[in-house]
């Protein structure tokens, strides 16, 4: 899934902050990785069902970042989806 535009500077910063927070929670074992990924997957499916393609794409990108963080490079502070 892809969105029709890259995230703007503010969206990118918020996304990066959420990725950092999520990774910190997972590393500290405060949250089960599978529980977090399941909730994010459900939110993505809900967004798709409601026709919110950009929201679903953003959630999909977040899931990818959390599952394989070393495979995704963020250029110029704003990830593209």
Protein backbone atom coordinates (compact mmCIF):
# COMPACT_ATOMS: atom_id res chain seq x y z
CA UNK A 1 0.00 0.00 0.00
CA UNK A 2 1.22 3.48 -0.74
CA UNK A 3 0.01 6.97 -0.06
CA UNK A 4 -0.37 9.74 -2.55
CA UNK A 5 2.32 11.94 -1.02
CA UNK A 6 5.28 11.86 1.36
CA UNK A 7 4.72 12.91 4.95
CA UNK A 8 5.27 16.59 5.60
CA UNK A 9 7.88 17.73 8.11
CA UNK A 10 5.45 17.70 11.05
CA UNK A 11 3.93 14.33 10.21
CA UNK A 12 7.41 12.87 9.75
CA UNK A 13 8.59 14.19 13.11
CA UNK A 14 5.53 12.83 14.90
CA UNK A 15 5.95 9.47 13.16
CA UNK A 16 9.64 9.28 14.13
CA UNK A 17 8.77 10.15 17.73
CA UNK A 18 6.20 7.39 17.83
CA UNK A 19 8.66 4.88 16.34
CA UNK A 20 11.25 5.81 18.98
CA UNK A 21 8.69 5.52 21.77
CA UNK A 22 7.45 2.17 20.50
CA UNK A 23 10.97 0.78 20.14
CA UNK A 24 11.83 1.95 23.65
CA UNK A 25 8.75 0.27 25.09
CA UNK A 26 9.50 -2.96 23.26
CA UNK A 27 13.17 -2.98 24.28
CA UNK A 28 12.24 -2.42 27.92
CA UNK A 29 9.75 -5.30 27.78
CA UNK A 30 7.02 -2.98 29.03
CA UNK A 31 4.91 -4.07 26.07
CA UNK A 32 4.64 -7.38 24.26
CA UNK A 33 5.86 -6.98 20.68
CA UNK A 34 3.15 -9.28 19.35
CA UNK A 35 0.44 -7.41 21.29
CA UNK A 36 1.59 -4.05 19.91
CA UNK A 37 1.89 -5.37 16.35
CA UNK A 38 -1.55 -7.01 16.60
CA UNK A 39 -3.13 -3.74 17.73
CA UNK A 40 -1.40 -1.79 14.99
CA UNK A 41 -2.48 -4.40 12.41
CA UNK A 42 -6.09 -4.15 13.58
CA UNK A 43 -5.92 -0.35 13.40
CA UNK A 44 -4.54 -0.64 9.85
CA UNK A 45 -7.37 -3.00 8.83
CA UNK A 46 -9.93 -0.64 10.37
CA UNK A 47 -8.46 2.29 8.44
CA UNK A 48 -8.59 0.27 5.21
CA UNK A 49 -12.23 -0.72 5.84
CA UNK A 50 -13.11 2.93 6.44
CA UNK A 51 -11.39 4.05 3.24
CA UNK A 52 -8.60 5.92 5.01
CA UNK A 53 -5.81 4.78 2.70
CA UNK A 54 -3.22 7.31 3.95
CA UNK A 55 -3.81 6.32 7.56
CA UNK A 56 -3.59 2.63 6.67
CA UNK A 57 -0.36 3.25 4.73
CA UNK A 58 1.15 5.13 7.67
CA UNK A 59 0.26 2.30 10.06
CA UNK A 60 1.74 -0.21 7.61
CA UNK A 61 4.96 1.79 7.51
CA UNK A 62 5.08 1.91 11.30
CA UNK A 63 4.64 -1.87 11.47
CA UNK A 64 7.52 -2.31 9.00
CA UNK A 65 9.77 0.03 11.02
CA UNK A 66 9.06 -1.89 14.23
CA UNK A 67 9.52 -5.35 12.70
CA UNK A 68 12.68 -4.57 10.69
CA UNK A 69 14.04 -1.18 11.85
CA UNK A 70 17.48 -1.62 10.30
CA UNK A 71 16.03 -2.11 6.81
CA UNK A 72 14.36 1.29 6.59
CA UNK A 73 16.33 4.47 6.09
CA UNK A 74 14.74 7.80 6.88
CA UNK A 75 16.10 10.51 4.64
CA UNK A 76 15.81 14.18 5.51
CA UNK A 77 13.74 13.56 8.61
CA UNK A 78 10.50 12.62 6.86
CA UNK A 79 9.78 9.01 5.91
CA UNK A 80 7.81 8.49 2.75
CA UNK A 81 4.92 6.11 2.46
